Amino acid sequence: MSRPHSSTHPTSRSHLGRQIVMALWVINLGTLAAGILPLKAAAQSGFVITGSEDVPVLSYKLDFRGVRDKIDRYRLDIPPQDVAVAEVQISGPPNFDGKIDPEEVRLEVEGQSVPLSEVYWNEEFRSLEVITEEPVAAGQSMRLILSQVRNPSKIGEYRFVGRLLGTEANPLFRTIGNWIISIDQFERTGF
C-alpha cells in the first residue's frame, strides 16, 4: 500500500509560517525605527548608539556645513549647569586630524562673550581647555565657538566629549555630554 505523496510536509508549513511572521516583525520594527530615529541615524545600517541617560548628546552647529578638509566654525551648545563653571574642556577622538586655533576660541554666556584667561589646544591628545577669567554663574546657557577650525580630512562622525570644572571646594571635571559632529565629502545643499 502506498501513501499519498504530499509536496509540503505539515512541519515545513509551520516553519514557513514562522519565517513569514518573523519577516513581517522585522519590517515593522524597521518602519518604527525609521519613524523614531533621526533621518541620518535611520539611514545607516545597524544600531546607532549616540549617548546614554547619563551622558546626553549635545547640540551643535557648523556654520560652513562640515565639508572635509575645509575651514569651518563650530558652535557647541552647553546646557545650564547646577554649579558655577570655571573651565570648559573638550576632548576629540584619536582619528580627528582637524586643527583648532586657540586664538579663535570664545565662550558666550546667554549670548554674550565672556573674557577668557587661557585657551589651550593640545593637538597630540585632541583636547581643548578654555579657562574663564571669572566663573560663569550656575543656571546659564553657554556656547563654545571655535572659529577657523580646519575640518578633518576624512568624512564620518567625530565624538567630542564635553567636561566642565566647577568652583566647589574640591572641584572635579564632570562630563556634560557629547557633540557628535558629522563631516561630509561635499557641501550639503537644501533648505
N, C-alpha and C. Protein backbone atom coordinates (compact mmCIF):
# COMPACT_ATOMS: atom_id res chain seq x y z
N MET A 1 0.83 -1.16 0.00
CA MET A 1 0.00 0.00 0.00
C MET A 1 0.88 1.24 0.00
N SER A 2 0.60 2.12 -0.88
CA SER A 2 1.43 3.31 -0.96
C SER A 2 0.73 4.50 -0.33
N ARG A 3 1.53 5.40 0.26
CA ARG A 3 0.99 6.61 0.90
C ARG A 3 0.85 7.70 -0.14
N PRO A 4 -0.19 8.51 0.00
CA PRO A 4 -0.31 9.62 -0.94
C PRO A 4 0.89 10.55 -0.79
N HIS A 5 1.39 11.01 -1.90
CA HIS A 5 2.56 11.89 -1.91
C HIS A 5 2.12 13.33 -1.67
N SER A 6 2.77 13.98 -0.74
CA SER A 6 2.43 15.38 -0.45
C SER A 6 3.65 16.24 -0.72
N SER A 7 3.45 17.36 -1.38
CA SER A 7 4.58 18.22 -1.73
C SER A 7 5.04 19.05 -0.53
N THR A 8 4.14 19.25 0.45
CA THR A 8 4.55 20.00 1.64
C THR A 8 4.28 19.19 2.87
N HIS A 9 5.21 19.10 3.69
CA HIS A 9 5.10 18.38 4.94
C HIS A 9 4.48 19.34 5.96
N PRO A 10 3.61 18.90 6.89
CA PRO A 10 2.98 19.80 7.84
C PRO A 10 4.00 20.59 8.66
N THR A 11 5.13 19.97 8.97
CA THR A 11 6.13 20.67 9.76
C THR A 11 6.73 21.82 8.95
N SER A 12 6.95 21.63 7.68
CA SER A 12 7.56 22.69 6.87
C SER A 12 6.59 23.85 6.69
N ARG A 13 5.27 23.59 6.68
CA ARG A 13 4.30 24.68 6.59
C ARG A 13 4.36 25.57 7.83
N SER A 14 4.46 24.99 9.01
CA SER A 14 4.53 25.81 10.23
C SER A 14 5.85 26.56 10.29
N HIS A 15 6.94 25.95 9.80
CA HIS A 15 8.23 26.64 9.76
C HIS A 15 8.17 27.84 8.82
N LEU A 16 7.51 27.65 7.66
CA LEU A 16 7.35 28.73 6.71
C LEU A 16 6.50 29.85 7.31
N GLY A 17 5.47 29.49 8.04
CA GLY A 17 4.62 30.48 8.70
C GLY A 17 5.41 31.30 9.72
N ARG A 18 6.27 30.63 10.50
CA ARG A 18 7.11 31.35 11.47
C ARG A 18 8.06 32.29 10.76
N GLN A 19 8.61 31.88 9.63
CA GLN A 19 9.51 32.74 8.88
C GLN A 19 8.79 33.98 8.37
N ILE A 20 7.57 33.82 7.89
CA ILE A 20 6.80 34.96 7.39
C ILE A 20 6.49 35.91 8.53
N VAL A 21 6.06 35.38 9.68
CA VAL A 21 5.76 36.24 10.84
C VAL A 21 7.02 36.99 11.27
N MET A 22 8.15 36.31 11.30
CA MET A 22 9.41 36.95 11.69
C MET A 22 9.80 38.04 10.70
N ALA A 23 9.63 37.79 9.41
CA ALA A 23 9.96 38.79 8.39
C ALA A 23 9.07 40.02 8.54
N LEU A 24 7.77 39.81 8.78
CA LEU A 24 6.87 40.94 8.98
C LEU A 24 7.24 41.72 10.24
N TRP A 25 7.64 41.03 11.28
CA TRP A 25 8.05 41.69 12.53
C TRP A 25 9.28 42.57 12.29
N VAL A 26 10.26 42.05 11.54
CA VAL A 26 11.47 42.81 11.24
C VAL A 26 11.13 44.03 10.38
N ILE A 27 10.25 43.88 9.40
CA ILE A 27 9.85 45.01 8.56
C ILE A 27 9.16 46.07 9.40
N ASN A 28 8.24 45.64 10.29
CA ASN A 28 7.55 46.61 11.15
C ASN A 28 8.51 47.30 12.10
N LEU A 29 9.47 46.57 12.63
CA LEU A 29 10.48 47.17 13.51
C LEU A 29 11.30 48.21 12.74
N GLY A 30 11.67 47.89 11.51
CA GLY A 30 12.42 48.84 10.68
C GLY A 30 11.61 50.09 10.38
N THR A 31 10.32 49.93 10.11
CA THR A 31 9.45 51.08 9.86
C THR A 31 9.33 51.93 11.11
N LEU A 32 9.19 51.28 12.26
CA LEU A 32 9.11 52.01 13.52
C LEU A 32 10.40 52.79 13.77
N ALA A 33 11.55 52.15 13.55
CA ALA A 33 12.83 52.83 13.77
C ALA A 33 12.99 54.02 12.82
N ALA A 34 12.55 53.86 11.58
CA ALA A 34 12.66 54.98 10.63
C ALA A 34 11.81 56.16 11.05
N GLY A 35 10.70 55.89 11.72
CA GLY A 35 9.84 56.98 12.17
C GLY A 35 10.33 57.64 13.45
N ILE A 36 11.06 56.90 14.27
CA ILE A 36 11.50 57.43 15.56
C ILE A 36 12.89 58.02 15.50
N LEU A 37 13.82 57.35 14.85
CA LEU A 37 15.20 57.81 14.82
C LEU A 37 15.34 59.01 13.89
N PRO A 38 16.32 59.86 14.15
CA PRO A 38 16.59 60.94 13.21
C PRO A 38 16.91 60.37 11.84
N LEU A 39 16.65 61.13 10.78
CA LEU A 39 16.82 60.65 9.42
C LEU A 39 18.21 60.08 9.19
N LYS A 40 19.24 60.77 9.66
CA LYS A 40 20.61 60.31 9.45
C LYS A 40 20.85 58.96 10.13
N ALA A 41 20.34 58.81 11.35
CA ALA A 41 20.54 57.56 12.08
C ALA A 41 19.75 56.43 11.44
N ALA A 42 18.52 56.70 10.96
CA ALA A 42 17.69 55.66 10.38
C ALA A 42 18.27 55.17 9.07
N ALA A 43 19.00 56.02 8.36
CA ALA A 43 19.52 55.64 7.05
C ALA A 43 20.74 54.75 7.14
N GLN A 44 21.34 54.63 8.30
CA GLN A 44 22.54 53.84 8.44
C GLN A 44 22.18 52.40 8.77
N SER A 45 23.07 51.48 8.46
CA SER A 45 22.81 50.09 8.78
C SER A 45 23.24 49.81 10.22
N GLY A 46 22.59 48.88 10.83
CA GLY A 46 22.94 48.51 12.20
C GLY A 46 22.37 49.50 13.20
N PHE A 47 22.80 49.35 14.45
CA PHE A 47 22.33 50.23 15.51
C PHE A 47 23.24 51.44 15.63
N VAL A 48 22.67 52.57 15.96
CA VAL A 48 23.43 53.79 16.18
C VAL A 48 23.33 54.13 17.65
N ILE A 49 24.47 54.14 18.34
CA ILE A 49 24.49 54.48 19.75
C ILE A 49 25.07 55.86 19.87
N THR A 50 24.28 56.81 20.36
CA THR A 50 24.73 58.19 20.38
C THR A 50 24.95 58.73 21.77
N GLY A 51 24.40 58.14 22.75
CA GLY A 51 24.55 58.66 24.10
C GLY A 51 23.88 57.72 25.07
N SER A 52 23.77 58.15 26.29
CA SER A 52 23.09 57.36 27.29
C SER A 52 22.33 58.31 28.19
N GLU A 53 21.63 57.73 29.15
CA GLU A 53 20.86 58.56 30.07
C GLU A 53 21.77 59.49 30.86
N ASP A 54 22.96 59.03 31.20
CA ASP A 54 23.88 59.84 31.98
C ASP A 54 24.74 60.78 31.14
N VAL A 55 24.98 60.44 29.87
CA VAL A 55 25.82 61.26 29.01
C VAL A 55 25.02 61.61 27.75
N PRO A 56 24.34 62.76 27.76
CA PRO A 56 23.49 63.10 26.62
C PRO A 56 24.28 63.58 25.40
N VAL A 57 23.61 63.58 24.26
CA VAL A 57 24.16 64.16 23.04
C VAL A 57 23.81 65.64 23.05
N LEU A 58 24.81 66.48 22.87
CA LEU A 58 24.64 67.93 22.93
C LEU A 58 24.46 68.52 21.53
N SER A 59 23.77 69.65 21.46
CA SER A 59 23.51 70.32 20.18
C SER A 59 24.75 71.08 19.70
N TYR A 60 24.86 71.19 18.39
CA TYR A 60 25.94 71.97 17.80
C TYR A 60 25.49 72.45 16.43
N LYS A 61 26.27 73.38 15.89
CA LYS A 61 26.03 73.86 14.52
C LYS A 61 27.38 74.12 13.88
N LEU A 62 27.51 73.75 12.62
CA LEU A 62 28.69 74.07 11.81
C LEU A 62 28.27 75.15 10.82
N ASP A 63 28.90 76.30 10.88
CA ASP A 63 28.48 77.42 10.04
C ASP A 63 28.72 77.18 8.56
N PHE A 64 29.74 76.40 8.22
CA PHE A 64 30.09 76.22 6.81
C PHE A 64 29.91 74.78 6.36
N ARG A 65 28.95 74.11 6.97
CA ARG A 65 28.40 72.82 6.53
C ARG A 65 29.29 71.60 6.69
N GLY A 66 30.35 71.66 7.42
CA GLY A 66 31.12 70.47 7.76
C GLY A 66 31.71 69.71 6.58
N VAL A 67 32.33 70.42 5.65
CA VAL A 67 32.96 69.77 4.50
C VAL A 67 34.38 69.36 4.89
N ARG A 68 34.76 68.14 4.56
CA ARG A 68 36.07 67.62 4.97
C ARG A 68 37.19 68.52 4.46
N ASP A 69 38.19 68.71 5.31
CA ASP A 69 39.41 69.43 4.98
C ASP A 69 39.18 70.91 4.62
N LYS A 70 38.05 71.48 5.03
CA LYS A 70 37.75 72.89 4.78
C LYS A 70 37.70 73.64 6.11
N ILE A 71 37.78 74.97 6.04
CA ILE A 71 37.68 75.82 7.23
C ILE A 71 36.21 75.94 7.64
N ASP A 72 35.96 75.87 8.95
CA ASP A 72 34.59 75.90 9.46
C ASP A 72 34.55 76.64 10.79
N ARG A 73 33.34 76.88 11.26
CA ARG A 73 33.14 77.44 12.61
C ARG A 73 32.19 76.50 13.35
N TYR A 74 32.63 76.02 14.52
CA TYR A 74 31.83 75.12 15.34
C TYR A 74 31.16 75.92 16.44
N ARG A 75 29.88 75.73 16.62
CA ARG A 75 29.12 76.34 17.72
C ARG A 75 28.61 75.19 18.59
N LEU A 76 29.24 75.00 19.73
CA LEU A 76 28.93 73.87 20.61
C LEU A 76 28.11 74.36 21.80
N ASP A 77 26.86 73.91 21.89
CA ASP A 77 25.97 74.33 22.97
C ASP A 77 26.26 73.57 24.25
N ILE A 78 26.23 74.32 25.36
CA ILE A 78 26.45 73.75 26.69
C ILE A 78 25.21 74.09 27.53
N PRO A 79 24.49 73.09 28.01
CA PRO A 79 23.27 73.37 28.77
C PRO A 79 23.60 74.01 30.13
N PRO A 80 22.63 74.70 30.74
CA PRO A 80 22.85 75.30 32.06
C PRO A 80 23.28 74.23 33.07
N GLN A 81 24.19 74.63 33.97
CA GLN A 81 24.72 73.72 34.97
C GLN A 81 24.22 74.12 36.36
N ASP A 82 24.30 73.19 37.30
CA ASP A 82 23.86 73.48 38.66
C ASP A 82 24.99 74.00 39.54
N VAL A 83 26.17 74.23 38.94
CA VAL A 83 27.31 74.82 39.65
C VAL A 83 27.90 75.93 38.80
N ALA A 84 28.63 76.83 39.43
CA ALA A 84 29.38 77.83 38.67
C ALA A 84 30.50 77.12 37.91
N VAL A 85 30.83 77.61 36.73
CA VAL A 85 31.80 76.94 35.85
C VAL A 85 33.05 77.79 35.71
N ALA A 86 34.22 77.17 35.99
CA ALA A 86 35.49 77.87 35.87
C ALA A 86 36.25 77.48 34.59
N GLU A 87 35.96 76.29 34.06
CA GLU A 87 36.70 75.81 32.89
C GLU A 87 35.83 74.87 32.08
N VAL A 88 35.98 74.96 30.75
CA VAL A 88 35.32 74.05 29.82
C VAL A 88 36.43 73.28 29.12
N GLN A 89 36.23 71.98 28.96
CA GLN A 89 37.22 71.15 28.29
C GLN A 89 36.50 70.25 27.30
N ILE A 90 37.05 70.14 26.09
CA ILE A 90 36.52 69.17 25.14
C ILE A 90 37.66 68.26 24.70
N SER A 91 37.33 67.00 24.49
CA SER A 91 38.29 66.00 24.02
C SER A 91 37.76 65.36 22.77
N GLY A 92 38.58 65.35 21.74
CA GLY A 92 38.19 64.75 20.47
C GLY A 92 38.70 63.32 20.35
N PRO A 93 38.20 62.60 19.35
CA PRO A 93 38.63 61.21 19.15
C PRO A 93 40.03 61.15 18.54
N PRO A 94 40.72 60.02 18.69
CA PRO A 94 42.09 59.89 18.16
C PRO A 94 42.19 60.09 16.65
N ASN A 95 41.12 59.80 15.91
CA ASN A 95 41.19 59.92 14.45
C ASN A 95 40.85 61.33 13.95
N PHE A 96 40.62 62.28 14.86
CA PHE A 96 40.35 63.66 14.45
C PHE A 96 41.68 64.32 14.08
N ASP A 97 41.87 64.57 12.79
CA ASP A 97 43.12 65.20 12.34
C ASP A 97 42.89 66.66 11.94
N GLY A 98 41.77 67.21 12.37
CA GLY A 98 41.49 68.62 12.12
C GLY A 98 42.36 69.50 13.01
N LYS A 99 42.28 70.80 12.79
CA LYS A 99 43.09 71.76 13.56
C LYS A 99 42.17 72.80 14.19
N ILE A 100 42.41 73.08 15.47
CA ILE A 100 41.68 74.11 16.20
C ILE A 100 42.67 75.20 16.57
N ASP A 101 42.31 76.44 16.25
CA ASP A 101 43.17 77.58 16.55
C ASP A 101 42.74 78.18 17.90
N PRO A 102 43.57 78.07 18.94
CA PRO A 102 43.17 78.58 20.26
C PRO A 102 42.95 80.10 20.28
N GLU A 103 43.53 80.80 19.32
CA GLU A 103 43.33 82.26 19.23
C GLU A 103 41.92 82.61 18.73
N GLU A 104 41.24 81.63 18.15
CA GLU A 104 39.93 81.85 17.55
C GLU A 104 38.81 81.17 18.35
N VAL A 105 39.00 81.03 19.66
CA VAL A 105 38.01 80.38 20.53
C VAL A 105 37.39 81.43 21.43
N ARG A 106 36.06 81.37 21.56
CA ARG A 106 35.40 82.24 22.53
C ARG A 106 34.27 81.49 23.20
N LEU A 107 33.88 81.98 24.36
CA LEU A 107 32.78 81.39 25.12
C LEU A 107 31.70 82.45 25.29
N GLU A 108 30.48 82.10 24.93
CA GLU A 108 29.36 83.00 25.11
C GLU A 108 28.48 82.47 26.24
N VAL A 109 28.03 83.38 27.09
CA VAL A 109 27.10 83.05 28.16
C VAL A 109 25.85 83.88 27.93
N GLU A 110 24.72 83.19 27.75
CA GLU A 110 23.46 83.86 27.44
C GLU A 110 23.63 84.82 26.27
N GLY A 111 24.43 84.41 25.26
CA GLY A 111 24.61 85.20 24.05
C GLY A 111 25.69 86.27 24.10
N GLN A 112 26.34 86.46 25.24
CA GLN A 112 27.38 87.48 25.39
C GLN A 112 28.75 86.82 25.61
N SER A 113 29.78 87.31 24.90
CA SER A 113 31.13 86.78 25.09
C SER A 113 31.64 87.13 26.48
N VAL A 114 32.36 86.17 27.08
CA VAL A 114 32.97 86.41 28.40
C VAL A 114 34.49 86.39 28.24
N PRO A 115 35.21 87.16 29.07
CA PRO A 115 36.67 87.16 28.99
C PRO A 115 37.25 85.80 29.40
N LEU A 116 38.28 85.40 28.66
CA LEU A 116 38.95 84.13 28.95
C LEU A 116 40.36 84.42 29.44
N SER A 117 40.80 83.64 30.42
CA SER A 117 42.17 83.84 30.89
C SER A 117 43.16 82.95 30.13
N GLU A 118 42.68 81.81 29.64
CA GLU A 118 43.58 80.92 28.90
C GLU A 118 42.78 79.98 28.01
N VAL A 119 43.34 79.73 26.81
CA VAL A 119 42.79 78.72 25.90
C VAL A 119 43.98 77.90 25.42
N TYR A 120 43.87 76.58 25.57
CA TYR A 120 44.98 75.72 25.20
C TYR A 120 44.47 74.56 24.36
N TRP A 121 45.05 74.37 23.17
CA TRP A 121 44.73 73.25 22.29
C TRP A 121 45.91 72.29 22.28
N ASN A 122 45.68 71.06 22.72
CA ASN A 122 46.70 70.03 22.70
C ASN A 122 46.44 69.13 21.50
N GLU A 123 47.21 69.35 20.45
CA GLU A 123 46.98 68.62 19.20
C GLU A 123 47.21 67.13 19.36
N GLU A 124 48.22 66.75 20.14
CA GLU A 124 48.53 65.34 20.32
C GLU A 124 47.37 64.57 20.95
N PHE A 125 46.75 65.16 21.97
CA PHE A 125 45.65 64.49 22.67
C PHE A 125 44.28 64.97 22.23
N ARG A 126 44.23 65.87 21.26
CA ARG A 126 43.00 66.42 20.72
C ARG A 126 42.08 66.96 21.82
N SER A 127 42.66 67.76 22.69
CA SER A 127 41.87 68.33 23.78
C SER A 127 42.02 69.85 23.80
N LEU A 128 40.93 70.50 24.16
CA LEU A 128 40.88 71.95 24.23
C LEU A 128 40.45 72.33 25.64
N GLU A 129 41.22 73.23 26.26
CA GLU A 129 40.89 73.74 27.59
C GLU A 129 40.61 75.23 27.47
N VAL A 130 39.46 75.64 28.01
CA VAL A 130 39.04 77.04 27.97
C VAL A 130 38.77 77.47 29.41
N ILE A 131 39.61 78.38 29.92
CA ILE A 131 39.50 78.84 31.31
C ILE A 131 39.00 80.27 31.31
N THR A 132 37.94 80.52 32.06
CA THR A 132 37.35 81.85 32.12
C THR A 132 38.06 82.71 33.16
N GLU A 133 38.03 84.04 32.95
CA GLU A 133 38.61 84.95 33.95
C GLU A 133 37.79 84.93 35.23
N GLU A 134 36.48 84.93 35.09
CA GLU A 134 35.56 84.85 36.23
C GLU A 134 34.66 83.64 36.02
N PRO A 135 34.32 82.90 37.07
CA PRO A 135 33.42 81.75 36.90
C PRO A 135 32.07 82.18 36.32
N VAL A 136 31.52 81.31 35.51
CA VAL A 136 30.19 81.52 34.93
C VAL A 136 29.18 81.03 35.96
N ALA A 137 28.24 81.89 36.32
CA ALA A 137 27.25 81.55 37.34
C ALA A 137 26.42 80.34 36.92
N ALA A 138 25.98 79.57 37.90
CA ALA A 138 25.14 78.40 37.65
C ALA A 138 23.84 78.82 36.97
N GLY A 139 23.27 77.89 36.20
CA GLY A 139 21.96 78.11 35.59
C GLY A 139 21.95 78.90 34.30
N GLN A 140 23.10 79.18 33.71
CA GLN A 140 23.16 79.96 32.47
C GLN A 140 23.58 79.06 31.31
N SER A 141 22.95 79.28 30.16
CA SER A 141 23.33 78.51 28.98
C SER A 141 24.60 79.11 28.40
N MET A 142 25.43 78.25 27.85
CA MET A 142 26.71 78.67 27.28
C MET A 142 26.84 78.11 25.87
N ARG A 143 27.72 78.73 25.12
CA ARG A 143 28.05 78.23 23.78
C ARG A 143 29.54 78.46 23.56
N LEU A 144 30.24 77.39 23.23
CA LEU A 144 31.66 77.47 22.89
C LEU A 144 31.74 77.64 21.38
N ILE A 145 32.42 78.70 20.93
CA ILE A 145 32.52 78.98 19.50
C ILE A 145 33.98 78.84 19.07
N LEU A 146 34.21 77.93 18.15
CA LEU A 146 35.54 77.66 17.62
C LEU A 146 35.56 78.13 16.16
N SER A 147 36.23 79.24 15.90
CA SER A 147 36.33 79.76 14.54
C SER A 147 37.63 79.28 13.90
N GLN A 148 37.67 79.33 12.59
CA GLN A 148 38.86 78.94 11.83
C GLN A 148 39.31 77.51 12.11
N VAL A 149 38.36 76.61 12.31
CA VAL A 149 38.68 75.19 12.51
C VAL A 149 38.93 74.57 11.14
N ARG A 150 40.00 73.82 11.03
CA ARG A 150 40.23 73.04 9.81
C ARG A 150 39.56 71.68 10.05
N ASN A 151 38.51 71.38 9.27
CA ASN A 151 37.81 70.11 9.44
C ASN A 151 38.75 68.94 9.16
N PRO A 152 38.45 67.78 9.73
CA PRO A 152 39.29 66.61 9.47
C PRO A 152 39.28 66.22 8.00
N SER A 153 40.28 65.45 7.60
CA SER A 153 40.44 65.10 6.18
C SER A 153 39.54 63.94 5.75
N LYS A 154 38.97 63.22 6.71
CA LYS A 154 38.13 62.07 6.37
C LYS A 154 36.68 62.34 6.78
N ILE A 155 35.75 61.87 5.95
CA ILE A 155 34.34 62.02 6.29
C ILE A 155 33.99 61.06 7.42
N GLY A 156 32.92 61.37 8.12
CA GLY A 156 32.47 60.50 9.21
C GLY A 156 31.93 61.31 10.36
N GLU A 157 31.67 60.62 11.45
CA GLU A 157 31.19 61.27 12.66
C GLU A 157 32.29 61.24 13.71
N TYR A 158 32.48 62.39 14.35
CA TYR A 158 33.54 62.56 15.34
C TYR A 158 32.88 62.92 16.67
N ARG A 159 33.15 62.10 17.68
CA ARG A 159 32.56 62.30 19.00
C ARG A 159 33.50 63.12 19.88
N PHE A 160 33.03 64.31 20.28
CA PHE A 160 33.76 65.16 21.21
C PHE A 160 33.08 65.08 22.57
N VAL A 161 33.86 64.85 23.59
CA VAL A 161 33.33 64.75 24.95
C VAL A 161 33.49 66.11 25.62
N GLY A 162 32.41 66.61 26.22
CA GLY A 162 32.45 67.89 26.92
C GLY A 162 32.54 67.69 28.42
N ARG A 163 33.43 68.43 29.07
CA ARG A 163 33.59 68.37 30.53
C ARG A 163 33.65 69.79 31.07
N LEU A 164 33.20 69.94 32.32
CA LEU A 164 33.25 71.24 32.98
C LEU A 164 33.92 71.08 34.33
N LEU A 165 34.61 72.14 34.74
CA LEU A 165 35.20 72.19 36.08
C LEU A 165 34.45 73.25 36.85
N GLY A 166 33.86 72.85 37.97
CA GLY A 166 33.10 73.77 38.80
C GLY A 166 34.00 74.56 39.74
N THR A 167 33.37 75.24 40.67
CA THR A 167 34.11 76.07 41.63
C THR A 167 33.92 75.58 43.06
N GLU A 168 33.49 74.34 43.23
CA GLU A 168 33.31 73.78 44.58
C GLU A 168 34.65 73.75 45.32
N ALA A 169 34.60 73.39 46.58
CA ALA A 169 35.82 73.32 47.40
C ALA A 169 36.83 72.35 46.81
N ASN A 170 36.38 71.18 46.38
CA ASN A 170 37.25 70.19 45.74
C ASN A 170 36.68 69.86 44.36
N PRO A 171 36.90 70.75 43.39
CA PRO A 171 36.26 70.56 42.08
C PRO A 171 36.84 69.38 41.32
N LEU A 172 35.96 68.69 40.61
CA LEU A 172 36.34 67.61 39.72
C LEU A 172 35.70 67.88 38.37
N PHE A 173 36.37 67.44 37.31
CA PHE A 173 35.76 67.58 35.99
C PHE A 173 34.54 66.68 35.93
N ARG A 174 33.45 67.23 35.43
CA ARG A 174 32.23 66.44 35.25
C ARG A 174 31.89 66.42 33.77
N THR A 175 31.55 65.23 33.27
CA THR A 175 31.17 65.09 31.87
C THR A 175 29.76 65.62 31.69
N ILE A 176 29.58 66.49 30.71
CA ILE A 176 28.26 67.07 30.47
C ILE A 176 27.58 66.47 29.25
N GLY A 177 28.32 65.80 28.37
CA GLY A 177 27.73 65.19 27.19
C GLY A 177 28.70 65.10 26.04
N ASN A 178 28.17 64.69 24.90
CA ASN A 178 28.96 64.50 23.69
C ASN A 178 28.39 65.33 22.55
N TRP A 179 29.28 65.91 21.77
CA TRP A 179 28.88 66.50 20.50
C TRP A 179 29.32 65.51 19.44
N ILE A 180 28.40 65.02 18.63
CA ILE A 180 28.74 64.07 17.57
C ILE A 180 28.69 64.84 16.27
N ILE A 181 29.86 65.22 15.79
CA ILE A 181 29.99 66.15 14.67
C ILE A 181 30.17 65.38 13.37
N SER A 182 29.29 65.66 12.40
CA SER A 182 29.32 64.98 11.10
C SER A 182 30.12 65.80 10.10
N ILE A 183 31.06 65.13 9.46
CA ILE A 183 31.87 65.74 8.40
C ILE A 183 31.55 65.01 7.10
N ASP A 184 31.23 65.77 6.06
CA ASP A 184 30.83 65.19 4.78
C ASP A 184 31.88 65.42 3.70
N GLN A 185 31.70 64.69 2.60
CA GLN A 185 32.60 64.83 1.45
C GLN A 185 32.34 66.13 0.72
N PHE A 186 31.07 66.44 0.49
CA PHE A 186 30.70 67.62 -0.30
C PHE A 186 29.78 68.50 0.52
N GLU A 187 29.65 69.74 0.05
CA GLU A 187 28.72 70.66 0.70
C GLU A 187 27.31 70.13 0.57
N ARG A 188 26.58 70.17 1.68
CA ARG A 188 25.17 69.79 1.66
C ARG A 188 24.38 70.94 1.06
N THR A 189 23.43 70.59 0.23
CA THR A 189 22.55 71.62 -0.30
C THR A 189 21.14 71.28 0.15
N GLY A 190 20.31 72.26 0.21
CA GLY A 190 18.92 72.01 0.64
C GLY A 190 18.44 73.17 1.47
N PHE A 191 17.29 72.95 2.04
CA PHE A 191 16.64 74.03 2.78
C PHE A 191 16.68 73.77 4.26
